[in-house]
Amino acid sequence: MTNVTFLIGLISLTSFVILKIIQSGFFDLFFTGMYQIKRFIFRKSNTETRIENQLSEDFQLQKFKKGAYEWTLAISLTIALSSLVMSLLGLILFYA
């Protein structure tokens, strides 16, 4: 049981760290480069351009995305820390 708890803690901590790195803007240059390559290879239709403009101007959607992102960060950090603490306590109790 301690191993499973430790694995859950590591997986959720890894997801937290990945989300935090993406939030910091570390991959922005890479993502913009891939977007430019996509635009070069595939042309955008007028409908796609219109929909992208509507989505970028939708403040409620942007607020929802930001809230969901922050909520996911908080939940993954909470799960990671509690799982790691529980696995360490299980190890201490097992070997004590």
Protein backbone atom coordinates (compact mmCIF):
# COMPACT_ATOMS: atom_id res chain seq x y z
CA MET A 1 0.00 0.00 0.00
CA THR A 2 2.88 2.34 0.74
CA ASN A 3 4.28 1.77 -2.75
CA VAL A 4 0.96 2.67 -4.40
CA THR A 5 0.63 5.80 -2.29
CA PHE A 6 4.18 6.81 -3.16
CA LEU A 7 3.53 6.26 -6.88
CA ILE A 8 0.35 8.34 -6.75
CA GLY A 9 2.31 11.09 -5.01
CA LEU A 10 5.08 10.99 -7.60
CA ILE A 11 2.68 11.02 -10.54
CA SER A 12 0.67 13.95 -9.18
CA LEU A 13 3.86 15.83 -8.26
CA THR A 14 5.16 15.27 -11.79
CA SER A 15 1.92 16.59 -13.28
CA PHE A 16 2.11 19.64 -10.98
CA VAL A 17 5.70 20.36 -12.04
CA ILE A 18 4.87 19.98 -15.75
CA LEU A 19 1.91 22.34 -15.44
CA LYS A 20 4.03 24.85 -13.52
CA ILE A 21 6.77 24.75 -16.18
CA ILE A 22 4.20 25.32 -18.93
CA GLN A 23 2.70 28.20 -16.92
CA SER A 24 6.11 29.83 -16.53
CA GLY A 25 6.40 30.20 -20.31
CA PHE A 26 9.40 27.90 -20.74
CA PHE A 27 7.90 26.24 -23.84
CA ASP A 28 6.40 29.40 -25.40
CA LEU A 29 9.09 29.66 -28.07
CA PHE A 30 8.64 25.99 -28.98
CA PHE A 31 4.84 26.27 -29.11
CA THR A 32 4.92 29.40 -31.28
CA GLY A 33 7.41 27.74 -33.63
CA MET A 34 5.17 24.69 -34.02
CA TYR A 35 2.18 26.96 -34.59
CA GLN A 36 4.06 28.82 -37.34
CA ILE A 37 5.04 25.53 -39.00
CA LYS A 38 1.40 24.42 -38.86
CA ARG A 39 0.27 27.71 -40.42
CA PHE A 40 2.88 27.33 -43.16
CA ILE A 41 1.80 23.79 -44.05
CA PHE A 42 -1.97 24.04 -43.56
CA ARG A 43 -3.94 27.10 -44.63
CA LYS A 44 -6.60 28.46 -42.30
CA SER A 45 -10.13 28.72 -43.53
CA ASN A 46 -12.12 31.89 -42.93
CA THR A 47 -14.38 30.00 -40.55
CA GLU A 48 -11.44 28.85 -38.45
CA THR A 49 -10.09 32.40 -38.27
CA ARG A 50 -13.48 33.74 -37.22
CA ILE A 51 -13.89 31.08 -34.52
CA GLU A 52 -10.38 31.74 -33.16
CA ASN A 53 -11.16 35.45 -32.92
CA GLN A 54 -14.43 34.77 -31.10
CA LEU A 55 -12.75 32.40 -28.64
CA SER A 56 -9.88 34.79 -27.94
CA GLU A 57 -12.34 37.61 -27.19
CA ASP A 58 -14.56 35.51 -24.90
CA PHE A 59 -13.60 36.74 -21.42
CA GLN A 60 -15.78 34.21 -19.60
CA LEU A 61 -14.01 31.35 -21.35
CA GLN A 62 -10.60 32.83 -20.52
CA LYS A 63 -11.64 33.26 -16.88
CA PHE A 64 -12.92 29.67 -16.77
CA LYS A 65 -9.67 28.35 -18.27
CA LYS A 66 -7.57 30.25 -15.76
CA GLY A 67 -9.71 29.07 -12.85
CA ALA A 68 -9.61 25.46 -14.03
CA TYR A 69 -5.85 25.66 -14.46
CA GLU A 70 -5.31 27.06 -10.96
CA TRP A 71 -7.74 24.52 -9.51
CA THR A 72 -5.86 21.67 -11.22
CA LEU A 73 -2.55 22.98 -9.86
CA ALA A 74 -3.90 23.18 -6.32
CA ILE A 75 -5.50 19.73 -6.42
CA SER A 76 -2.44 18.02 -7.90
CA LEU A 77 -0.13 19.63 -5.33
CA THR A 78 -2.46 18.66 -2.48
CA ILE A 79 -2.70 15.06 -3.68
CA ALA A 80 1.07 14.89 -4.21
CA LEU A 81 2.01 16.20 -0.79
CA SER A 82 -0.59 14.21 1.12
CA SER A 83 0.29 10.98 -0.70
CA LEU A 84 4.00 11.42 -0.13
CA VAL A 85 3.48 12.21 3.56
CA MET A 86 1.19 9.19 3.96
CA SER A 87 3.72 6.90 2.28
CA LEU A 88 6.54 8.20 4.48
CA LEU A 89 4.42 7.72 7.60
CA GLY A 90 3.59 4.20 6.44
CA LEU A 91 7.27 3.46 5.96
CA ILE A 92 8.15 4.84 9.39
CA LEU A 93 5.40 2.81 11.06
CA PHE A 94 6.33 -0.34 9.13
CA TYR A 95 10.01 -0.24 10.09
CA ALA A 96 9.54 1.11 13.63
